[in-house]
Amino acid sequence: MKFLSYLIDVKRILIIKKKFNINELTVKGLNKFGEFIQVYGAVL
């Protein structure tokens, strides 16, 4: 459950970054990090 709430936090951060139009590289980095977390979570 902690893992799921963490993913929700990551999505929330991405939404906030889109709203404030913070630079693309940061958003892409977070997306990659989110993908990594999802893969890691699947392994768990």
PDB file of N, CA and C in Angstrom:
ATOM      1  N   MET A   1       0.817  -1.213   0.000  1.00  0.00           N
ATOM      2  CA  MET A   1       0.000   0.000   0.000  1.00  0.00           C
ATOM      3  C   MET A   1       0.856   1.270   0.000  1.00  0.00           C
ATOM      4  N   LYS A   2       1.923   1.250   0.771  1.00  0.00           N
ATOM      5  CA  LYS A   2       2.830   2.397   0.767  1.00  0.00           C
ATOM      6  C   LYS A   2       3.324   2.655  -0.646  1.00  0.00           C
ATOM      7  N   PHE A   3       3.615   1.560  -1.349  1.00  0.00           N
ATOM      8  CA  PHE A   3       4.117   1.668  -2.722  1.00  0.00           C
ATOM      9  C   PHE A   3       3.115   2.385  -3.617  1.00  0.00           C
ATOM     10  N   LEU A   4       1.841   2.011  -3.502  1.00  0.00           N
ATOM     11  CA  LEU A   4       0.800   2.643  -4.321  1.00  0.00           C
ATOM     12  C   LEU A   4       0.685   4.131  -4.013  1.00  0.00           C
ATOM     13  N   SER A   5       0.722   4.479  -2.751  1.00  0.00           N
ATOM     14  CA  SER A   5       0.621   5.902  -2.399  1.00  0.00           C
ATOM     15  C   SER A   5       1.830   6.658  -2.926  1.00  0.00           C
ATOM     16  N   TYR A   6       2.994   5.979  -2.991  1.00  0.00           N
ATOM     17  CA  TYR A   6       4.182   6.622  -3.546  1.00  0.00           C
ATOM     18  C   TYR A   6       3.977   6.933  -5.026  1.00  0.00           C
ATOM     19  N   LEU A   7       3.424   5.978  -5.766  1.00  0.00           N
ATOM     20  CA  LEU A   7       3.152   6.206  -7.196  1.00  0.00           C
ATOM     21  C   LEU A   7       2.182   7.366  -7.377  1.00  0.00           C
ATOM     22  N   ILE A   8       1.173   7.436  -6.520  1.00  0.00           N
ATOM     23  CA  ILE A   8       0.206   8.538  -6.598  1.00  0.00           C
ATOM     24  C   ILE A   8       0.921   9.865  -6.376  1.00  0.00           C
ATOM     25  N   ASP A   9       1.853   9.894  -5.424  1.00  0.00           N
ATOM     26  CA  ASP A   9       2.636  11.118  -5.174  1.00  0.00           C
ATOM     27  C   ASP A   9       3.431  11.511  -6.405  1.00  0.00           C
ATOM     28  N   VAL A  10       4.047  10.535  -7.068  1.00  0.00           N
ATOM     29  CA  VAL A  10       4.827  10.821  -8.281  1.00  0.00           C
ATOM     30  C   VAL A  10       3.929  11.441  -9.344  1.00  0.00           C
ATOM     31  N   LYS A  11       2.732  10.863  -9.537  1.00  0.00           N
ATOM     32  CA  LYS A  11       1.794  11.414 -10.525  1.00  0.00           C
ATOM     33  C   LYS A  11       1.393  12.837 -10.153  1.00  0.00           C
ATOM     34  N   ARG A  12       1.169  13.058  -8.857  1.00  0.00           N
ATOM     35  CA  ARG A  12       0.795  14.388  -8.388  1.00  0.00           C
ATOM     36  C   ARG A  12       1.890  15.394  -8.718  1.00  0.00           C
ATOM     37  N   ILE A  13       3.134  14.999  -8.489  1.00  0.00           N
ATOM     38  CA  ILE A  13       4.276  15.871  -8.797  1.00  0.00           C
ATOM     39  C   ILE A  13       4.288  16.189 -10.285  1.00  0.00           C
ATOM     40  N   LEU A  14       4.062  15.175 -11.123  1.00  0.00           N
ATOM     41  CA  LEU A  14       4.053  15.397 -12.572  1.00  0.00           C
ATOM     42  C   LEU A  14       2.966  16.384 -12.972  1.00  0.00           C
ATOM     43  N   ILE A  15       1.778  16.232 -12.379  1.00  0.00           N
ATOM     44  CA  ILE A  15       0.671  17.141 -12.693  1.00  0.00           C
ATOM     45  C   ILE A  15       1.042  18.566 -12.283  1.00  0.00           C
ATOM     46  N   ILE A  16       1.613  18.726 -11.100  1.00  0.00           N
ATOM     47  CA  ILE A  16       2.018  20.050 -10.621  1.00  0.00           C
ATOM     48  C   ILE A  16       3.044  20.648 -11.577  1.00  0.00           C
ATOM     49  N   LYS A  17       4.014  19.830 -12.001  1.00  0.00           N
ATOM     50  CA  LYS A  17       5.042  20.327 -12.904  1.00  0.00           C
ATOM     51  C   LYS A  17       4.441  20.761 -14.240  1.00  0.00           C
ATOM     52  N   LYS A  18       3.449  20.011 -14.730  1.00  0.00           N
ATOM     53  CA  LYS A  18       2.790  20.409 -15.982  1.00  0.00           C
ATOM     54  C   LYS A  18       2.081  21.745 -15.813  1.00  0.00           C
ATOM     55  N   LYS A  19       1.407  21.917 -14.681  1.00  0.00           N
ATOM     56  CA  LYS A  19       0.686  23.162 -14.427  1.00  0.00           C
ATOM     57  C   LYS A  19       1.636  24.347 -14.434  1.00  0.00           C
ATOM     58  N   PHE A  20       2.787  24.182 -13.813  1.00  0.00           N
ATOM     59  CA  PHE A  20       3.735  25.282 -13.713  1.00  0.00           C
ATOM     60  C   PHE A  20       4.705  25.318 -14.884  1.00  0.00           C
ATOM     61  N   ASN A  21       4.525  24.345 -15.799  1.00  0.00           N
ATOM     62  CA  ASN A  21       5.322  24.309 -17.030  1.00  0.00           C
ATOM     63  C   ASN A  21       6.827  24.289 -16.741  1.00  0.00           C
ATOM     64  N   ILE A  22       7.218  23.506 -15.753  1.00  0.00           N
ATOM     65  CA  ILE A  22       8.638  23.367 -15.403  1.00  0.00           C
ATOM     66  C   ILE A  22       9.327  22.538 -16.475  1.00  0.00           C
ATOM     67  N   ASN A  23      10.592  22.807 -16.700  1.00  0.00           N
ATOM     68  CA  ASN A  23      11.261  22.317 -17.902  1.00  0.00           C
ATOM     69  C   ASN A  23      11.105  20.829 -18.191  1.00  0.00           C
ATOM     70  N   GLU A  24      11.022  20.536 -19.496  1.00  0.00           N
ATOM     71  CA  GLU A  24      10.703  19.201 -20.001  1.00  0.00           C
ATOM     72  C   GLU A  24      11.636  18.118 -19.467  1.00  0.00           C
ATOM     73  N   LEU A  25      12.902  18.436 -19.346  1.00  0.00           N
ATOM     74  CA  LEU A  25      13.869  17.426 -18.899  1.00  0.00           C
ATOM     75  C   LEU A  25      13.524  16.901 -17.519  1.00  0.00           C
ATOM     76  N   THR A  26      13.103  17.799 -16.641  1.00  0.00           N
ATOM     77  CA  THR A  26      12.744  17.386 -15.290  1.00  0.00           C
ATOM     78  C   THR A  26      11.549  16.434 -15.330  1.00  0.00           C
ATOM     79  N   VAL A  27      10.553  16.772 -16.140  1.00  0.00           N
ATOM     80  CA  VAL A  27       9.353  15.946 -16.262  1.00  0.00           C
ATOM     81  C   VAL A  27       9.719  14.585 -16.852  1.00  0.00           C
ATOM     82  N   LYS A  28      10.559  14.583 -17.896  1.00  0.00           N
ATOM     83  CA  LYS A  28      10.985  13.323 -18.501  1.00  0.00           C
ATOM     84  C   LYS A  28      11.746  12.483 -17.495  1.00  0.00           C
ATOM     85  N   GLY A  29      12.590  13.125 -16.707  1.00  0.00           N
ATOM     86  CA  GLY A  29      13.342  12.415 -15.675  1.00  0.00           C
ATOM     87  C   GLY A  29      12.401  11.763 -14.668  1.00  0.00           C
ATOM     88  N   LEU A  30      11.364  12.488 -14.255  1.00  0.00           N
ATOM     89  CA  LEU A  30      10.391  11.939 -13.317  1.00  0.00           C
ATOM     90  C   LEU A  30       9.610  10.800 -13.944  1.00  0.00           C
ATOM     91  N   ASN A  31       9.268  10.916 -15.230  1.00  0.00           N
ATOM     92  CA  ASN A  31       8.571   9.836 -15.922  1.00  0.00           C
ATOM     93  C   ASN A  31       9.415   8.566 -15.925  1.00  0.00           C
ATOM     94  N   LYS A  32      10.700   8.714 -16.261  1.00  0.00           N
ATOM     95  CA  LYS A  32      11.612   7.566 -16.273  1.00  0.00           C
ATOM     96  C   LYS A  32      11.704   6.957 -14.876  1.00  0.00           C
ATOM     97  N   PHE A  33      11.804   7.817 -13.872  1.00  0.00           N
ATOM     98  CA  PHE A  33      11.875   7.362 -12.488  1.00  0.00           C
ATOM     99  C   PHE A  33      10.603   6.603 -12.113  1.00  0.00           C
ATOM    100  N   GLY A  34       9.452   7.133 -12.547  1.00  0.00           N
ATOM    101  CA  GLY A  34       8.175   6.471 -12.284  1.00  0.00           C
ATOM    102  C   GLY A  34       8.111   5.095 -12.923  1.00  0.00           C
ATOM    103  N   GLU A  35       8.614   4.990 -14.168  1.00  0.00           N
ATOM    104  CA  GLU A  35       8.642   3.700 -14.859  1.00  0.00           C
ATOM    105  C   GLU A  35       9.517   2.723 -14.092  1.00  0.00           C
ATOM    106  N   PHE A  36      10.671   3.183 -13.643  1.00  0.00           N
ATOM    107  CA  PHE A  36      11.590   2.349 -12.870  1.00  0.00           C
ATOM    108  C   PHE A  36      10.908   1.847 -11.603  1.00  0.00           C
ATOM    109  N   ILE A  37      10.209   2.741 -10.915  1.00  0.00           N
ATOM    110  CA  ILE A  37       9.513   2.382  -9.680  1.00  0.00           C
ATOM    111  C   ILE A  37       8.445   1.324  -9.967  1.00  0.00           C
ATOM    112  N   GLN A  38       7.720   1.479 -11.082  1.00  0.00           N
ATOM    113  CA  GLN A  38       6.681   0.511 -11.442  1.00  0.00           C
ATOM    114  C   GLN A  38       7.293  -0.863 -11.705  1.00  0.00           C
ATOM    115  N   VAL A  39       8.401  -0.897 -12.436  1.00  0.00           N
ATOM    116  CA  VAL A  39       9.073  -2.170 -12.724  1.00  0.00           C
ATOM    117  C   VAL A  39       9.567  -2.788 -11.422  1.00  0.00           C
ATOM    118  N   TYR A  40      10.184  -1.963 -10.586  1.00  0.00           N
ATOM    119  CA  TYR A  40      10.702  -2.433  -9.297  1.00  0.00           C
ATOM    120  C   TYR A  40       9.560  -2.967  -8.433  1.00  0.00           C
ATOM    121  N   GLY A  41       8.422  -2.271  -8.465  1.00  0.00           N
ATOM    122  CA  GLY A  41       7.247  -2.704  -7.704  1.00  0.00           C
ATOM    123  C   GLY A  41       6.712  -4.037  -8.198  1.00  0.00           C
ATOM    124  N   ALA A  42       6.769  -4.239  -9.515  1.00  0.00           N
ATOM    125  CA  ALA A  42       6.302  -5.506 -10.098  1.00  0.00           C
ATOM    126  C   ALA A  42       7.186  -6.657  -9.626  1.00  0.00           C
ATOM    127  N   VAL A  43       8.482  -6.374  -9.471  1.00  0.00           N
ATOM    128  CA  VAL A  43       9.419  -7.393  -8.982  1.00  0.00           C
ATOM    129  C   VAL A  43       9.090  -7.759  -7.534  1.00  0.00           C
ATOM    130  N   LEU A  44       8.744  -6.743  -6.736  1.00  0.00           N
ATOM    131  CA  LEU A  44       8.310  -6.998  -5.361  1.00  0.00           C
ATOM    132  C   LEU A  44       6.995  -7.735  -5.401  1.00  0.00           C
TER     133      LEU A  44
END
